[in-house]
All heavy atoms as atom14 arrays in JSON, in Angstrom:
{
  "sequence": "PSVEVITTCVVDLPTALPRRHLGRLTADGAAQVPADARARLAAAVRAV",
  "atom14_mask": [
    [1, 1, 1, 1, 1, 1, 1, 0, 0, 0, 0, 0, 0, 0],
    [1, 1, 1, 1, 1, 1, 0, 0, 0, 0, 0, 0, 0, 0],
    [1, 1, 1, 1, 1, 1, 1, 0, 0, 0, 0, 0, 0, 0],
    [1, 1, 1, 1, 1, 1, 1, 1, 1, 0, 0, 0, 0, 0],
    [1, 1, 1, 1, 1, 1, 1, 0, 0, 0, 0, 0, 0, 0],
    [1, 1, 1, 1, 1, 1, 1, 1, 0, 0, 0, 0, 0, 0],
    [1, 1, 1, 1, 1, 1, 1, 0, 0, 0, 0, 0, 0, 0],
    [1, 1, 1, 1, 1, 1, 1, 0, 0, 0, 0, 0, 0, 0],
    [1, 1, 1, 1, 1, 1, 0, 0, 0, 0, 0, 0, 0, 0],
    [1, 1, 1, 1, 1, 1, 1, 0, 0, 0, 0, 0, 0, 0],
    [1, 1, 1, 1, 1, 1, 1, 0, 0, 0, 0, 0, 0, 0],
    [1, 1, 1, 1, 1, 1, 1, 1, 0, 0, 0, 0, 0, 0],
    [1, 1, 1, 1, 1, 1, 1, 1, 0, 0, 0, 0, 0, 0],
    [1, 1, 1, 1, 1, 1, 1, 0, 0, 0, 0, 0, 0, 0],
    [1, 1, 1, 1, 1, 1, 1, 0, 0, 0, 0, 0, 0, 0],
    [1, 1, 1, 1, 1, 0, 0, 0, 0, 0, 0, 0, 0, 0],
    [1, 1, 1, 1, 1, 1, 1, 1, 0, 0, 0, 0, 0, 0],
    [1, 1, 1, 1, 1, 1, 1, 0, 0, 0, 0, 0, 0, 0],
    [1, 1, 1, 1, 1, 1, 1, 1, 1, 1, 1, 0, 0, 0],
    [1, 1, 1, 1, 1, 1, 1, 1, 1, 1, 1, 0, 0, 0],
    [1, 1, 1, 1, 1, 1, 1, 1, 1, 1, 0, 0, 0, 0],
    [1, 1, 1, 1, 1, 1, 1, 1, 0, 0, 0, 0, 0, 0],
    [1, 1, 1, 1, 0, 0, 0, 0, 0, 0, 0, 0, 0, 0],
    [1, 1, 1, 1, 1, 1, 1, 1, 1, 1, 1, 0, 0, 0],
    [1, 1, 1, 1, 1, 1, 1, 1, 0, 0, 0, 0, 0, 0],
    [1, 1, 1, 1, 1, 1, 1, 0, 0, 0, 0, 0, 0, 0],
    [1, 1, 1, 1, 1, 0, 0, 0, 0, 0, 0, 0, 0, 0],
    [1, 1, 1, 1, 1, 1, 1, 1, 0, 0, 0, 0, 0, 0],
    [1, 1, 1, 1, 0, 0, 0, 0, 0, 0, 0, 0, 0, 0],
    [1, 1, 1, 1, 1, 0, 0, 0, 0, 0, 0, 0, 0, 0],
    [1, 1, 1, 1, 1, 0, 0, 0, 0, 0, 0, 0, 0, 0],
    [1, 1, 1, 1, 1, 1, 1, 1, 1, 0, 0, 0, 0, 0],
    [1, 1, 1, 1, 1, 1, 1, 0, 0, 0, 0, 0, 0, 0],
    [1, 1, 1, 1, 1, 1, 1, 0, 0, 0, 0, 0, 0, 0],
    [1, 1, 1, 1, 1, 0, 0, 0, 0, 0, 0, 0, 0, 0],
    [1, 1, 1, 1, 1, 1, 1, 1, 0, 0, 0, 0, 0, 0],
    [1, 1, 1, 1, 1, 0, 0, 0, 0, 0, 0, 0, 0, 0],
    [1, 1, 1, 1, 1, 1, 1, 1, 1, 1, 1, 0, 0, 0],
    [1, 1, 1, 1, 1, 0, 0, 0, 0, 0, 0, 0, 0, 0],
    [1, 1, 1, 1, 1, 1, 1, 1, 1, 1, 1, 0, 0, 0],
    [1, 1, 1, 1, 1, 1, 1, 1, 0, 0, 0, 0, 0, 0],
    [1, 1, 1, 1, 1, 0, 0, 0, 0, 0, 0, 0, 0, 0],
    [1, 1, 1, 1, 1, 0, 0, 0, 0, 0, 0, 0, 0, 0],
    [1, 1, 1, 1, 1, 0, 0, 0, 0, 0, 0, 0, 0, 0],
    [1, 1, 1, 1, 1, 1, 1, 0, 0, 0, 0, 0, 0, 0],
    [1, 1, 1, 1, 1, 1, 1, 1, 1, 1, 1, 0, 0, 0],
    [1, 1, 1, 1, 1, 0, 0, 0, 0, 0, 0, 0, 0, 0],
    [1, 1, 1, 1, 1, 1, 1, 0, 0, 0, 0, 0, 0, 0]
  ],
  "atom14_positions": [
    [[17.34, 11.57, -4.42], [17.05, 10.39, -3.61], [16.09, 10.65, -2.45], [15.23, 9.82, -2.15], [18.45, 9.98, -3.11], [19.38, 10.48, -4.15], [18.79, 11.77, -4.61], [0.0, 0.0, 0.0], [0.0, 0.0, 0.0], [0.0, 0.0, 0.0], [0.0, 0.0, 0.0], [0.0, 0.0, 0.0], [0.0, 0.0, 0.0], [0.0, 0.0, 0.0]],
    [[16.23, 11.8, -1.79], [15.34, 12.09, -0.66], [13.92, 12.34, -1.14], [12.94, 11.88, -0.52], [15.86, 13.28, 0.15], [15.89, 14.46, -0.64], [0.0, 0.0, 0.0], [0.0, 0.0, 0.0], [0.0, 0.0, 0.0], [0.0, 0.0, 0.0], [0.0, 0.0, 0.0], [0.0, 0.0, 0.0], [0.0, 0.0, 0.0], [0.0, 0.0, 0.0]],
    [[13.76, 13.06, -2.23], [12.43, 13.32, -2.77], [11.8, 12.02, -3.28], [10.58, 11.82, -3.17], [12.49, 14.38, -3.89], [11.15, 14.51, -4.61], [12.91, 15.73, -3.31], [0.0, 0.0, 0.0], [0.0, 0.0, 0.0], [0.0, 0.0, 0.0], [0.0, 0.0, 0.0], [0.0, 0.0, 0.0], [0.0, 0.0, 0.0], [0.0, 0.0, 0.0]],
    [[12.63, 11.11, -3.79], [12.1, 9.83, -4.26], [11.49, 9.03, -3.1], [10.44, 8.39, -3.26], [13.2, 9.01, -4.93], [12.71, 7.69, -5.5], [13.82, 6.88, -6.13], [14.96, 7.38, -6.24], [13.55, 5.73, -6.52], [0.0, 0.0, 0.0], [0.0, 0.0, 0.0], [0.0, 0.0, 0.0], [0.0, 0.0, 0.0], [0.0, 0.0, 0.0]],
    [[12.14, 9.06, -1.95], [11.6, 8.35, -0.79], [10.26, 8.96, -0.36], [9.3, 8.24, -0.05], [12.61, 8.36, 0.38], [11.96, 7.8, 1.66], [13.85, 7.56, 0.02], [0.0, 0.0, 0.0], [0.0, 0.0, 0.0], [0.0, 0.0, 0.0], [0.0, 0.0, 0.0], [0.0, 0.0, 0.0], [0.0, 0.0, 0.0], [0.0, 0.0, 0.0]],
    [[10.18, 10.29, -0.34], [8.92, 10.94, 0.0], [7.84, 10.59, -1.02], [6.68, 10.36, -0.67], [9.1, 12.47, 0.09], [10.1, 12.83, 1.19], [7.76, 13.15, 0.35], [9.68, 12.4, 2.58], [0.0, 0.0, 0.0], [0.0, 0.0, 0.0], [0.0, 0.0, 0.0], [0.0, 0.0, 0.0], [0.0, 0.0, 0.0], [0.0, 0.0, 0.0]],
    [[8.22, 10.53, -2.29], [7.27, 10.15, -3.33], [6.72, 8.75, -3.09], [5.52, 8.49, -3.28], [7.93, 10.24, -4.72], [8.41, 11.57, -4.93], [6.94, 9.89, -5.83], [0.0, 0.0, 0.0], [0.0, 0.0, 0.0], [0.0, 0.0, 0.0], [0.0, 0.0, 0.0], [0.0, 0.0, 0.0], [0.0, 0.0, 0.0], [0.0, 0.0, 0.0]],
    [[7.59, 7.84, -2.68], [7.14, 6.49, -2.34], [6.06, 6.54, -1.25], [5.05, 5.84, -1.32], [8.33, 5.63, -1.86], [9.26, 5.48, -2.93], [7.87, 4.25, -1.41], [0.0, 0.0, 0.0], [0.0, 0.0, 0.0], [0.0, 0.0, 0.0], [0.0, 0.0, 0.0], [0.0, 0.0, 0.0], [0.0, 0.0, 0.0], [0.0, 0.0, 0.0]],
    [[6.29, 7.4, -0.27], [5.38, 7.48, 0.88], [4.05, 8.15, 0.56], [3.0, 7.7, 1.04], [6.06, 8.23, 2.03], [7.46, 7.36, 2.76], [0.0, 0.0, 0.0], [0.0, 0.0, 0.0], [0.0, 0.0, 0.0], [0.0, 0.0, 0.0], [0.0, 0.0, 0.0], [0.0, 0.0, 0.0], [0.0, 0.0, 0.0], [0.0, 0.0, 0.0]],
    [[4.07, 9.23, -0.2], [2.85, 10.02, -0.37], [2.18, 9.85, -1.73], [1.08, 10.36, -1.95], [3.11, 11.52, -0.09], [3.75, 11.71, 1.27], [3.95, 12.15, -1.17], [0.0, 0.0, 0.0], [0.0, 0.0, 0.0], [0.0, 0.0, 0.0], [0.0, 0.0, 0.0], [0.0, 0.0, 0.0], [0.0, 0.0, 0.0], [0.0, 0.0, 0.0]],
    [[2.84, 9.13, -2.65], [2.23, 8.87, -3.96], [2.07, 7.37, -4.19], [0.97, 6.88, -4.43], [3.07, 9.5, -5.1], [2.44, 9.16, -6.46], [3.17, 11.0, -4.93], [0.0, 0.0, 0.0], [0.0, 0.0, 0.0], [0.0, 0.0, 0.0], [0.0, 0.0, 0.0], [0.0, 0.0, 0.0], [0.0, 0.0, 0.0], [0.0, 0.0, 0.0]],
    [[3.18, 6.63, -4.13], [3.14, 5.21, -4.48], [2.32, 4.38, -3.5], [1.43, 3.62, -3.9], [4.56, 4.65, -4.58], [5.38, 5.36, -5.64], [4.78, 5.95, -6.56], [6.62, 5.31, -5.58], [0.0, 0.0, 0.0], [0.0, 0.0, 0.0], [0.0, 0.0, 0.0], [0.0, 0.0, 0.0], [0.0, 0.0, 0.0], [0.0, 0.0, 0.0]],
    [[2.64, 4.49, -2.21], [1.92, 3.67, -1.22], [0.43, 4.03, -1.14], [-0.42, 3.12, -1.12], [2.58, 3.81, 0.16], [3.93, 3.09, 0.31], [4.54, 3.41, 1.68], [3.76, 1.58, 0.15], [0.0, 0.0, 0.0], [0.0, 0.0, 0.0], [0.0, 0.0, 0.0], [0.0, 0.0, 0.0], [0.0, 0.0, 0.0], [0.0, 0.0, 0.0]],
    [[0.05, 5.31, -1.09], [-1.38, 5.62, -1.05], [-2.13, 5.17, -2.31], [-3.33, 4.87, -2.25], [-1.41, 7.15, -0.92], [-0.1, 7.49, -0.31], [0.87, 6.51, -0.88], [0.0, 0.0, 0.0], [0.0, 0.0, 0.0], [0.0, 0.0, 0.0], [0.0, 0.0, 0.0], [0.0, 0.0, 0.0], [0.0, 0.0, 0.0], [0.0, 0.0, 0.0]],
    [[-1.43, 5.14, -3.44], [-2.08, 4.65, -4.65], [-2.32, 3.15, -4.56], [-3.37, 2.64, -4.97], [-1.22, 4.97, -5.89], [-1.07, 6.39, -6.0], [-1.88, 4.45, -7.16], [0.0, 0.0, 0.0], [0.0, 0.0, 0.0], [0.0, 0.0, 0.0], [0.0, 0.0, 0.0], [0.0, 0.0, 0.0], [0.0, 0.0, 0.0], [0.0, 0.0, 0.0]],
    [[-1.36, 2.43, -3.98], [-1.46, 0.97, -3.94], [-2.4, 0.47, -2.85], [-3.22, -0.44, -3.09], [-0.07, 0.37, -3.73], [0.0, 0.0, 0.0], [0.0, 0.0, 0.0], [0.0, 0.0, 0.0], [0.0, 0.0, 0.0], [0.0, 0.0, 0.0], [0.0, 0.0, 0.0], [0.0, 0.0, 0.0], [0.0, 0.0, 0.0], [0.0, 0.0, 0.0]],
    [[-2.33, 1.04, -1.65], [-3.06, 0.46, -0.52], [-4.54, 0.86, -0.45], [-5.4, -0.02, -0.38], [-2.34, 0.81, 0.79], [-0.94, 0.19, 0.93], [-0.31, 0.58, 2.26], [-1.01, -1.33, 0.82], [0.0, 0.0, 0.0], [0.0, 0.0, 0.0], [0.0, 0.0, 0.0], [0.0, 0.0, 0.0], [0.0, 0.0, 0.0], [0.0, 0.0, 0.0]],
    [[-4.9, 2.15, -0.44], [-6.33, 2.48, -0.31], [-7.12, 2.35, -1.61], [-8.34, 2.43, -1.6], [-6.32, 3.95, 0.14], [-4.91, 4.29, 0.42], [-4.09, 3.34, -0.39], [0.0, 0.0, 0.0], [0.0, 0.0, 0.0], [0.0, 0.0, 0.0], [0.0, 0.0, 0.0], [0.0, 0.0, 0.0], [0.0, 0.0, 0.0], [0.0, 0.0, 0.0]],
    [[-6.42, 2.15, -2.73], [-7.09, 2.22, -4.02], [-8.25, 1.24, -4.15], [-9.32, 1.57, -4.65], [-6.06, 1.96, -5.13], [-6.62, 2.07, -6.54], [-5.51, 1.91, -7.55], [-6.0, 2.06, -8.9], [-5.23, 2.05, -9.98], [-3.93, 1.91, -9.85], [-5.75, 2.2, -11.18], [0.0, 0.0, 0.0], [0.0, 0.0, 0.0], [0.0, 0.0, 0.0]],
    [[-8.04, 0.01, -3.69], [-9.1, -0.99, -3.84], [-10.35, -0.63, -3.05], [-11.46, -0.96, -3.44], [-8.58, -2.38, -3.42], [-8.34, -2.54, -1.94], [-7.98, -4.0, -1.61], [-6.73, -4.38, -2.21], [-5.55, -4.29, -1.58], [-5.51, -3.79, -0.36], [-4.46, -4.67, -2.16], [0.0, 0.0, 0.0], [0.0, 0.0, 0.0], [0.0, 0.0, 0.0]],
    [[-10.14, 0.09, -1.93], [-11.3, 0.49, -1.13], [-12.06, 1.63, -1.8], [-13.29, 1.67, -1.75], [-10.85, 0.89, 0.27], [-10.17, -0.21, 1.02], [-10.85, -1.31, 1.49], [-8.85, -0.41, 1.35], [-10.0, -2.12, 2.11], [-8.79, -1.6, 2.03], [0.0, 0.0, 0.0], [0.0, 0.0, 0.0], [0.0, 0.0, 0.0], [0.0, 0.0, 0.0]],
    [[-11.33, 2.55, -2.41], [-11.99, 3.67, -3.07], [-12.72, 3.23, -4.33], [-13.61, 3.92, -4.81], [-10.96, 4.75, -3.42], [-10.39, 5.51, -2.22], [-9.3, 6.48, -2.68], [-11.48, 6.26, -1.48], [0.0, 0.0, 0.0], [0.0, 0.0, 0.0], [0.0, 0.0, 0.0], [0.0, 0.0, 0.0], [0.0, 0.0, 0.0], [0.0, 0.0, 0.0]],
    [[-12.34, 2.09, -4.86], [-13.02, 1.57, -6.03], [-14.36, 0.93, -5.71], [-15.13, 0.6, -6.62], [0.0, 0.0, 0.0], [0.0, 0.0, 0.0], [0.0, 0.0, 0.0], [0.0, 0.0, 0.0], [0.0, 0.0, 0.0], [0.0, 0.0, 0.0], [0.0, 0.0, 0.0], [0.0, 0.0, 0.0], [0.0, 0.0, 0.0], [0.0, 0.0, 0.0]],
    [[-14.64, 0.75, -4.42], [-15.91, 0.14, -4.01], [-16.7, 1.14, -3.17], [-16.16, 1.78, -2.28], [-15.66, -1.12, -3.18], [-14.91, -2.21, -3.91], [-14.97, -3.51, -3.14], [-14.37, -3.41, -1.83], [-13.13, -3.8, -1.54], [-12.37, -4.3, -2.49], [-12.64, -3.68, -0.32], [0.0, 0.0, 0.0], [0.0, 0.0, 0.0], [0.0, 0.0, 0.0]],
    [[-17.98, 1.24, -3.44], [-18.84, 2.14, -2.7], [-19.5, 1.42, -1.53], [-19.77, 0.22, -1.6], [-19.93, 2.72, -3.61], [-19.46, 3.62, -4.75], [-20.66, 4.05, -5.58], [-18.73, 4.83, -4.21], [0.0, 0.0, 0.0], [0.0, 0.0, 0.0], [0.0, 0.0, 0.0], [0.0, 0.0, 0.0], [0.0, 0.0, 0.0], [0.0, 0.0, 0.0]],
    [[-19.75, 2.16, -0.45], [-20.49, 1.61, 0.67], [-21.98, 1.57, 0.32], [-22.4, 2.06, -0.73], [-20.28, 2.46, 1.93], [-20.77, 3.79, 1.68], [-18.8, 2.54, 2.28], [0.0, 0.0, 0.0], [0.0, 0.0, 0.0], [0.0, 0.0, 0.0], [0.0, 0.0, 0.0], [0.0, 0.0, 0.0], [0.0, 0.0, 0.0], [0.0, 0.0, 0.0]],
    [[-22.78, 1.01, 1.21], [-24.22, 0.87, 0.94], [-24.9, 2.21, 0.73], [-25.87, 2.31, -0.02], [-24.88, 0.11, 2.09], [0.0, 0.0, 0.0], [0.0, 0.0, 0.0], [0.0, 0.0, 0.0], [0.0, 0.0, 0.0], [0.0, 0.0, 0.0], [0.0, 0.0, 0.0], [0.0, 0.0, 0.0], [0.0, 0.0, 0.0], [0.0, 0.0, 0.0]],
    [[-24.38, 3.25, 1.36], [-24.99, 4.58, 1.22], [-24.35, 5.41, 0.12], [-24.59, 6.62, 0.01], [-24.95, 5.34, 2.55], [-23.52, 5.53, 3.06], [-22.58, 5.0, 2.41], [-23.34, 6.19, 4.09], [0.0, 0.0, 0.0], [0.0, 0.0, 0.0], [0.0, 0.0, 0.0], [0.0, 0.0, 0.0], [0.0, 0.0, 0.0], [0.0, 0.0, 0.0]],
    [[-23.52, 4.77, -0.72], [-22.94, 5.45, -1.86], [-21.68, 6.23, -1.58], [-21.21, 6.98, -2.43], [0.0, 0.0, 0.0], [0.0, 0.0, 0.0], [0.0, 0.0, 0.0], [0.0, 0.0, 0.0], [0.0, 0.0, 0.0], [0.0, 0.0, 0.0], [0.0, 0.0, 0.0], [0.0, 0.0, 0.0], [0.0, 0.0, 0.0], [0.0, 0.0, 0.0]],
    [[-21.11, 6.07, -0.4], [-19.88, 6.79, -0.04], [-18.66, 5.96, -0.44], [-18.73, 4.76, -0.65], [-19.85, 7.08, 1.45], [0.0, 0.0, 0.0], [0.0, 0.0, 0.0], [0.0, 0.0, 0.0], [0.0, 0.0, 0.0], [0.0, 0.0, 0.0], [0.0, 0.0, 0.0], [0.0, 0.0, 0.0], [0.0, 0.0, 0.0], [0.0, 0.0, 0.0]],
    [[-17.53, 6.65, -0.54], [-16.24, 5.99, -0.77], [-15.43, 6.15, 0.5], [-15.12, 7.28, 0.89], [-15.53, 6.62, -1.97], [0.0, 0.0, 0.0], [0.0, 0.0, 0.0], [0.0, 0.0, 0.0], [0.0, 0.0, 0.0], [0.0, 0.0, 0.0], [0.0, 0.0, 0.0], [0.0, 0.0, 0.0], [0.0, 0.0, 0.0], [0.0, 0.0, 0.0]],
    [[-15.09, 5.06, 1.13], [-14.46, 5.14, 2.43], [-13.3, 4.17, 2.52], [-13.4, 3.01, 2.12], [-15.48, 4.83, 3.53], [-14.96, 5.03, 4.94], [-16.06, 4.82, 5.97], [-17.07, 4.19, 5.68], [-15.86, 5.34, 7.17], [0.0, 0.0, 0.0], [0.0, 0.0, 0.0], [0.0, 0.0, 0.0], [0.0, 0.0, 0.0], [0.0, 0.0, 0.0]],
    [[-12.19, 4.66, 3.06], [-11.04, 3.8, 3.33], [-11.13, 3.37, 4.79], [-11.13, 4.23, 5.68], [-9.72, 4.54, 3.07], [-8.53, 3.61, 3.35], [-9.65, 5.06, 1.64], [0.0, 0.0, 0.0], [0.0, 0.0, 0.0], [0.0, 0.0, 0.0], [0.0, 0.0, 0.0], [0.0, 0.0, 0.0], [0.0, 0.0, 0.0], [0.0, 0.0, 0.0]],
    [[-11.23, 2.08, 5.07], [-11.39, 1.62, 6.46], [-10.22, 2.05, 7.34], [-9.09, 2.24, 6.87], [-11.44, 0.1, 6.33], [-11.83, -0.16, 4.91], [-11.25, 0.97, 4.11], [0.0, 0.0, 0.0], [0.0, 0.0, 0.0], [0.0, 0.0, 0.0], [0.0, 0.0, 0.0], [0.0, 0.0, 0.0], [0.0, 0.0, 0.0], [0.0, 0.0, 0.0]],
    [[-10.51, 2.19, 8.64], [-9.48, 2.62, 9.6], [-8.3, 1.66, 9.6], [-7.14, 2.08, 9.73], [-10.09, 2.72, 10.99], [0.0, 0.0, 0.0], [0.0, 0.0, 0.0], [0.0, 0.0, 0.0], [0.0, 0.0, 0.0], [0.0, 0.0, 0.0], [0.0, 0.0, 0.0], [0.0, 0.0, 0.0], [0.0, 0.0, 0.0], [0.0, 0.0, 0.0]],
    [[-8.57, 0.36, 9.44], [-7.48, -0.61, 9.44], [-6.53, -0.37, 8.27], [-5.3, -0.43, 8.43], [-8.06, -2.03, 9.36], [-6.97, -3.08, 9.26], [-6.28, -3.32, 10.29], [-6.79, -3.66, 8.18], [0.0, 0.0, 0.0], [0.0, 0.0, 0.0], [0.0, 0.0, 0.0], [0.0, 0.0, 0.0], [0.0, 0.0, 0.0], [0.0, 0.0, 0.0]],
    [[-7.09, -0.09, 7.09], [-6.24, 0.17, 5.92], [-5.43, 1.45, 6.1], [-4.26, 1.51, 5.71], [-7.11, 0.27, 4.66], [0.0, 0.0, 0.0], [0.0, 0.0, 0.0], [0.0, 0.0, 0.0], [0.0, 0.0, 0.0], [0.0, 0.0, 0.0], [0.0, 0.0, 0.0], [0.0, 0.0, 0.0], [0.0, 0.0, 0.0], [0.0, 0.0, 0.0]],
    [[-6.04, 2.46, 6.71], [-5.31, 3.71, 6.95], [-4.19, 3.5, 7.96], [-3.1, 4.07, 7.82], [-6.29, 4.79, 7.42], [-7.28, 5.17, 6.35], [-8.41, 6.06, 6.85], [-7.96, 7.43, 7.07], [-8.79, 8.43, 7.31], [-10.1, 8.21, 7.31], [-8.34, 9.65, 7.52], [0.0, 0.0, 0.0], [0.0, 0.0, 0.0], [0.0, 0.0, 0.0]],
    [[-4.44, 2.68, 8.97], [-3.4, 2.39, 9.97], [-2.25, 1.62, 9.34], [-1.07, 1.87, 9.65], [-4.0, 1.6, 11.13], [0.0, 0.0, 0.0], [0.0, 0.0, 0.0], [0.0, 0.0, 0.0], [0.0, 0.0, 0.0], [0.0, 0.0, 0.0], [0.0, 0.0, 0.0], [0.0, 0.0, 0.0], [0.0, 0.0, 0.0], [0.0, 0.0, 0.0]],
    [[-2.55, 0.68, 8.47], [-1.5, -0.09, 7.81], [-0.69, 0.8, 6.86], [0.52, 0.64, 6.73], [-2.1, -1.28, 7.06], [-2.67, -2.33, 7.99], [-3.28, -3.51, 7.23], [-3.93, -4.41, 8.17], [-3.3, -5.33, 8.89], [-1.98, -5.48, 8.75], [-3.95, -6.12, 9.72], [0.0, 0.0, 0.0], [0.0, 0.0, 0.0], [0.0, 0.0, 0.0]],
    [[-1.36, 1.73, 6.2], [-0.65, 2.68, 5.35], [0.31, 3.53, 6.18], [1.47, 3.73, 5.81], [-1.64, 3.58, 4.61], [-1.06, 4.73, 3.8], [-0.12, 4.21, 2.71], [-2.17, 5.58, 3.18], [0.0, 0.0, 0.0], [0.0, 0.0, 0.0], [0.0, 0.0, 0.0], [0.0, 0.0, 0.0], [0.0, 0.0, 0.0], [0.0, 0.0, 0.0]],
    [[-0.17, 4.02, 7.33], [0.69, 4.82, 8.21], [1.9, 4.01, 8.67], [3.03, 4.52, 8.72], [-0.11, 5.32, 9.4], [0.0, 0.0, 0.0], [0.0, 0.0, 0.0], [0.0, 0.0, 0.0], [0.0, 0.0, 0.0], [0.0, 0.0, 0.0], [0.0, 0.0, 0.0], [0.0, 0.0, 0.0], [0.0, 0.0, 0.0], [0.0, 0.0, 0.0]],
    [[1.67, 2.73, 9.01], [2.77, 1.88, 9.44], [3.78, 1.66, 8.32], [5.0, 1.66, 8.56], [2.23, 0.54, 9.93], [0.0, 0.0, 0.0], [0.0, 0.0, 0.0], [0.0, 0.0, 0.0], [0.0, 0.0, 0.0], [0.0, 0.0, 0.0], [0.0, 0.0, 0.0], [0.0, 0.0, 0.0], [0.0, 0.0, 0.0], [0.0, 0.0, 0.0]],
    [[3.28, 1.49, 7.1], [4.17, 1.3, 5.96], [5.01, 2.55, 5.7], [6.21, 2.47, 5.42], [3.36, 0.94, 4.71], [0.0, 0.0, 0.0], [0.0, 0.0, 0.0], [0.0, 0.0, 0.0], [0.0, 0.0, 0.0], [0.0, 0.0, 0.0], [0.0, 0.0, 0.0], [0.0, 0.0, 0.0], [0.0, 0.0, 0.0], [0.0, 0.0, 0.0]],
    [[4.39, 3.71, 5.81], [5.1, 4.97, 5.61], [6.21, 5.13, 6.66], [7.35, 5.48, 6.34], [4.13, 6.16, 5.67], [4.89, 7.49, 5.74], [3.21, 6.14, 4.45], [0.0, 0.0, 0.0], [0.0, 0.0, 0.0], [0.0, 0.0, 0.0], [0.0, 0.0, 0.0], [0.0, 0.0, 0.0], [0.0, 0.0, 0.0], [0.0, 0.0, 0.0]],
    [[5.87, 4.87, 7.91], [6.88, 4.99, 8.97], [8.03, 4.01, 8.76], [9.18, 4.34, 9.04], [6.22, 4.76, 10.33], [5.23, 5.86, 10.72], [4.6, 5.62, 12.09], [3.54, 6.56, 12.36], [3.73, 7.8, 12.8], [4.96, 8.23, 13.04], [2.71, 8.61, 13.03], [0.0, 0.0, 0.0], [0.0, 0.0, 0.0], [0.0, 0.0, 0.0]],
    [[7.72, 2.81, 8.27], [8.78, 1.83, 8.01], [9.72, 2.31, 6.9], [10.95, 2.17, 7.01], [8.16, 0.49, 7.63], [0.0, 0.0, 0.0], [0.0, 0.0, 0.0], [0.0, 0.0, 0.0], [0.0, 0.0, 0.0], [0.0, 0.0, 0.0], [0.0, 0.0, 0.0], [0.0, 0.0, 0.0], [0.0, 0.0, 0.0], [0.0, 0.0, 0.0]],
    [[9.15, 2.91, 5.85], [9.99, 3.44, 4.77], [10.89, 4.55, 5.28], [12.07, 4.64, 4.92], [9.1, 3.93, 3.61], [9.95, 4.71, 2.59], [8.4, 2.77, 2.93], [0.0, 0.0, 0.0], [0.0, 0.0, 0.0], [0.0, 0.0, 0.0], [0.0, 0.0, 0.0], [0.0, 0.0, 0.0], [0.0, 0.0, 0.0], [0.0, 0.0, 0.0]]
  ]
}
């Protein structure tokens, strides 16, 4: 059960939240997760 919660935090949530951003390239061809999305991911992890 404890490892499952960690898996939710470091596998499931990062796959769901930043994924859409990594699927789109910036104008200079980079893949970037915006600071807002990273902050929301951190908040979700802390809530879990």
